[in-house]
Protein backbone atom coordinates (compact mmCIF):
# COMPACT_ATOMS: atom_id res chain seq x y z
CA MET A 1 -22.68 18.73 7.50
CA PRO A 2 -19.07 17.38 8.87
CA GLY A 3 -16.29 16.48 6.42
CA SER A 4 -14.77 13.55 5.53
CA VAL A 5 -12.02 11.67 7.87
CA TYR A 6 -9.70 9.52 6.67
CA LYS A 7 -6.94 6.73 8.66
CA VAL A 8 -3.85 6.57 6.77
CA ILE A 9 -1.44 3.02 7.16
CA GLU A 10 2.01 2.54 5.40
CA LEU A 11 2.36 -0.95 3.47
CA VAL A 12 5.45 -2.53 1.85
CA GLY A 13 4.71 -4.41 -1.48
CA THR A 14 7.01 -6.82 -2.71
CA SER A 15 7.24 -8.46 -6.63
CA ALA A 16 9.94 -10.55 -8.28
CA GLU A 17 8.70 -8.37 -11.42
CA SER A 18 8.95 -4.67 -10.76
CA TRP A 19 8.06 -1.54 -8.78
CA GLU A 20 4.64 -1.79 -10.18
CA ASP A 21 3.32 -5.12 -9.18
CA ALA A 22 5.13 -4.82 -5.63
CA ALA A 23 2.79 -1.68 -5.78
CA LEU A 24 -0.13 -3.28 -7.16
CA SER A 25 0.18 -6.17 -4.68
CA ALA A 26 0.28 -4.05 -1.43
CA LEU A 27 -3.12 -2.60 -3.05
CA LYS A 28 -5.11 -5.89 -3.81
CA THR A 29 -4.27 -7.07 -0.74
CA ALA A 30 -4.64 -4.13 1.69
CA ALA A 31 -8.77 -4.13 -0.31
CA ALA A 32 -9.32 -7.49 0.60
CA SER A 33 -10.03 -6.33 4.79
CA LEU A 34 -10.40 -2.44 4.28
CA GLU A 35 -13.22 -0.59 2.73
CA ASP A 36 -13.14 2.54 0.40
CA LEU A 37 -9.24 2.86 -0.23
CA ARG A 38 -8.73 6.67 -1.52
CA ILE A 39 -4.87 7.20 -2.06
CA ALA A 40 -2.06 5.47 -2.22
CA GLU A 41 1.40 7.50 -1.91
CA VAL A 42 4.56 5.78 -2.71
CA VAL A 43 7.45 6.70 -0.13
CA LYS A 44 10.11 4.84 -0.92
CA GLN A 45 11.57 2.28 -3.55
CA ASP A 46 14.17 -0.21 -3.36
CA ILE A 47 15.87 -3.08 -4.49
CA ARG A 48 16.90 -6.59 -3.10
CA ILE A 49 19.87 -8.28 -4.67
CA GLU A 50 21.64 -11.47 -4.44
CA GLU A 51 25.10 -12.79 -7.02
CA ASN A 52 24.45 -9.03 -8.78
CA GLU A 53 21.23 -9.88 -9.66
CA ILE A 54 17.79 -7.96 -8.58
CA VAL A 55 16.36 -10.82 -6.73
CA GLU A 56 13.22 -8.05 -5.40
CA TYR A 57 11.57 -4.89 -6.02
CA ARG A 58 10.00 -3.42 -3.04
CA VAL A 59 7.58 -0.30 -2.55
CA LYS A 60 6.34 1.25 0.63
CA MET A 61 3.45 3.53 0.09
CA LYS A 62 1.37 5.34 2.57
CA VAL A 63 -2.76 4.44 1.61
CA SER A 64 -5.67 6.30 3.09
CA PHE A 65 -8.84 4.57 3.47
CA LYS A 66 -12.24 6.23 5.05
CA TYR A 67 -13.54 6.15 8.25
CA HIS A 68 -17.04 5.16 9.20
CA SER A 69 -17.22 5.82 12.77
CA GLU A 70 -20.71 4.02 11.94
CA LEU A 71 -18.52 0.65 11.85
CA ALA A 72 -16.31 1.29 15.05
CA ASP A 73 -16.09 -0.15 18.85
């Protein structure tokens, strides 16, 4: 039996509240159009600053999901 194959994509999520909310936002959006999300790895966190205040948290992440060959064109 062959092993599973996974595709890895990069996402950036944003939030005015926290890095956790930024990651959750990206994952929820991806889950709306992708099936079988498996692993998410945060590779970078940063913030956007305006007038010496944090206005946005940003998370760059790699997300894998199972590739289903029967669904491929």
